[in-house]
């Protein structure tokens, strides 16, 4: 979902660097539960706040 031109709500974002984020967005930033998969295969899953991983599962 989008609000204006930024992601807002639940969704998937694929970066040009090959990383993928699946989870919640608020005003275009990762916020709430989500999973970040980096291009090298590393996986970070937990609660995000303003694009930072606060707690991991």
N, C-alpha and C. Protein backbone atom coordinates (compact mmCIF):
# COMPACT_ATOMS: atom_id res chain seq x y z
N UNK A 1 0.83 -1.17 0.00
CA UNK A 1 0.00 0.00 0.00
C UNK A 1 0.88 1.24 0.00
N UNK A 2 0.33 2.30 -0.52
CA UNK A 2 1.07 3.55 -0.59
C UNK A 2 0.22 4.70 -0.06
N UNK A 3 0.90 5.67 0.54
CA UNK A 3 0.28 6.94 0.91
C UNK A 3 1.12 8.00 0.18
N UNK A 4 0.54 8.60 -0.83
CA UNK A 4 1.34 9.47 -1.70
C UNK A 4 2.27 8.59 -2.52
N UNK A 5 3.56 8.88 -2.51
CA UNK A 5 4.49 8.01 -3.23
C UNK A 5 5.36 7.17 -2.33
N UNK A 6 5.00 7.01 -1.06
CA UNK A 6 5.82 6.20 -0.15
C UNK A 6 5.01 5.01 0.38
N UNK A 7 5.70 3.89 0.65
CA UNK A 7 5.01 2.73 1.21
C UNK A 7 4.40 3.06 2.58
N UNK A 8 3.19 2.60 2.81
CA UNK A 8 2.51 2.81 4.08
C UNK A 8 1.55 1.64 4.28
N UNK A 9 1.78 0.85 5.32
CA UNK A 9 0.99 -0.36 5.55
C UNK A 9 1.88 -1.57 5.35
N UNK A 10 1.27 -2.70 5.07
CA UNK A 10 2.02 -3.94 4.91
C UNK A 10 2.40 -4.12 3.44
N UNK A 11 3.65 -4.61 3.22
CA UNK A 11 4.07 -4.82 1.84
C UNK A 11 5.45 -5.42 1.75
N UNK A 12 5.94 -5.47 0.52
CA UNK A 12 7.27 -6.01 0.21
C UNK A 12 8.01 -4.95 -0.59
N UNK A 13 9.27 -4.69 -0.20
CA UNK A 13 10.11 -3.73 -0.92
C UNK A 13 11.38 -4.43 -1.35
N UNK A 14 11.67 -4.38 -2.65
CA UNK A 14 12.88 -4.98 -3.21
C UNK A 14 13.82 -3.85 -3.62
N UNK A 15 15.00 -3.82 -2.99
CA UNK A 15 16.00 -2.78 -3.28
C UNK A 15 16.84 -3.15 -4.49
N UNK A 16 17.44 -2.14 -5.09
CA UNK A 16 18.32 -2.37 -6.23
C UNK A 16 19.57 -3.15 -5.84
N UNK A 17 19.92 -3.14 -4.54
CA UNK A 17 21.10 -3.89 -4.07
C UNK A 17 20.81 -5.38 -3.88
N UNK A 18 19.54 -5.78 -4.12
CA UNK A 18 19.17 -7.19 -4.00
C UNK A 18 18.54 -7.57 -2.69
N UNK A 19 18.47 -6.64 -1.73
CA UNK A 19 17.84 -6.94 -0.46
C UNK A 19 16.31 -6.83 -0.59
N UNK A 20 15.61 -7.57 0.28
CA UNK A 20 14.15 -7.58 0.26
C UNK A 20 13.65 -7.40 1.69
N UNK A 21 12.70 -6.48 1.87
CA UNK A 21 12.05 -6.28 3.16
C UNK A 21 10.59 -6.65 3.02
N UNK A 22 10.11 -7.51 3.93
CA UNK A 22 8.70 -7.90 3.97
C UNK A 22 8.17 -7.50 5.33
N UNK A 23 7.17 -6.63 5.36
CA UNK A 23 6.61 -6.22 6.64
C UNK A 23 5.86 -4.92 6.56
N UNK A 24 5.87 -4.18 7.67
CA UNK A 24 5.09 -2.97 7.81
C UNK A 24 5.93 -1.73 7.53
N UNK A 25 5.26 -0.74 6.92
CA UNK A 25 5.86 0.56 6.64
C UNK A 25 4.97 1.65 7.23
N UNK A 26 5.59 2.71 7.73
CA UNK A 26 4.89 3.93 8.11
C UNK A 26 5.67 5.08 7.50
N UNK A 27 4.99 5.85 6.66
CA UNK A 27 5.63 6.99 5.97
C UNK A 27 6.90 6.59 5.23
N UNK A 28 6.89 5.43 4.59
CA UNK A 28 8.01 5.00 3.78
C UNK A 28 9.16 4.36 4.53
N UNK A 29 9.05 4.21 5.84
CA UNK A 29 10.12 3.62 6.64
C UNK A 29 9.66 2.31 7.24
N UNK A 30 10.61 1.39 7.44
CA UNK A 30 10.28 0.11 8.08
C UNK A 30 9.89 0.37 9.53
N UNK A 31 8.68 -0.03 9.89
CA UNK A 31 8.16 0.14 11.24
C UNK A 31 7.24 -1.02 11.57
N UNK A 32 7.46 -1.65 12.73
CA UNK A 32 6.64 -2.78 13.13
C UNK A 32 7.31 -4.09 12.77
N UNK A 33 6.55 -5.18 12.82
CA UNK A 33 7.12 -6.49 12.53
C UNK A 33 7.52 -6.62 11.06
N UNK A 34 8.69 -7.23 10.84
CA UNK A 34 9.14 -7.41 9.46
C UNK A 34 10.34 -8.31 9.36
N UNK A 35 10.71 -8.59 8.11
CA UNK A 35 11.88 -9.44 7.84
C UNK A 35 12.68 -8.79 6.72
N UNK A 36 13.98 -8.63 6.96
CA UNK A 36 14.90 -8.08 5.98
C UNK A 36 15.84 -9.18 5.53
N UNK A 37 15.86 -9.45 4.25
CA UNK A 37 16.75 -10.47 3.68
C UNK A 37 17.76 -9.73 2.80
N UNK A 38 19.02 -9.78 3.20
CA UNK A 38 20.07 -9.11 2.43
C UNK A 38 20.46 -9.93 1.22
N UNK A 39 21.11 -9.29 0.26
CA UNK A 39 21.53 -9.97 -0.96
C UNK A 39 22.49 -11.13 -0.68
N UNK A 40 23.24 -11.06 0.43
CA UNK A 40 24.19 -12.12 0.76
C UNK A 40 23.53 -13.29 1.48
N UNK A 41 22.18 -13.20 1.69
CA UNK A 41 21.44 -14.29 2.32
C UNK A 41 21.20 -14.11 3.80
N UNK A 42 21.82 -13.11 4.43
CA UNK A 42 21.59 -12.86 5.86
C UNK A 42 20.13 -12.42 6.06
N UNK A 43 19.53 -12.93 7.13
CA UNK A 43 18.12 -12.63 7.42
C UNK A 43 18.01 -11.97 8.79
N UNK A 44 17.29 -10.85 8.84
CA UNK A 44 17.03 -10.13 10.08
C UNK A 44 15.52 -10.02 10.22
N UNK A 45 14.98 -10.59 11.31
CA UNK A 45 13.54 -10.61 11.51
C UNK A 45 13.23 -10.12 12.91
N UNK A 46 12.24 -9.26 13.03
CA UNK A 46 11.85 -8.75 14.33
C UNK A 46 11.03 -7.49 14.20
N UNK A 47 11.20 -6.60 15.17
CA UNK A 47 10.46 -5.34 15.21
C UNK A 47 11.39 -4.21 14.74
N UNK A 48 10.94 -3.46 13.75
CA UNK A 48 11.68 -2.33 13.21
C UNK A 48 11.05 -1.03 13.66
N UNK A 49 11.90 -0.01 13.84
CA UNK A 49 11.44 1.35 14.15
C UNK A 49 12.28 2.32 13.36
N UNK A 50 11.66 3.09 12.50
CA UNK A 50 12.36 4.07 11.66
C UNK A 50 13.55 3.44 10.94
N UNK A 51 13.32 2.30 10.31
CA UNK A 51 14.31 1.57 9.49
C UNK A 51 15.37 0.82 10.29
N UNK A 52 15.33 0.88 11.61
CA UNK A 52 16.30 0.16 12.45
C UNK A 52 15.66 -1.05 13.09
N UNK A 53 16.38 -2.17 13.15
CA UNK A 53 15.90 -3.36 13.83
C UNK A 53 16.08 -3.19 15.33
N UNK A 54 14.97 -3.17 16.08
CA UNK A 54 15.02 -2.98 17.52
C UNK A 54 15.16 -4.31 18.26
N UNK A 55 14.32 -5.27 17.91
CA UNK A 55 14.35 -6.57 18.55
C UNK A 55 14.32 -7.65 17.49
N UNK A 56 15.10 -8.67 17.66
CA UNK A 56 15.11 -9.76 16.68
C UNK A 56 14.45 -11.00 17.28
N UNK A 57 13.96 -11.84 16.38
CA UNK A 57 13.28 -13.07 16.80
C UNK A 57 14.18 -14.26 16.56
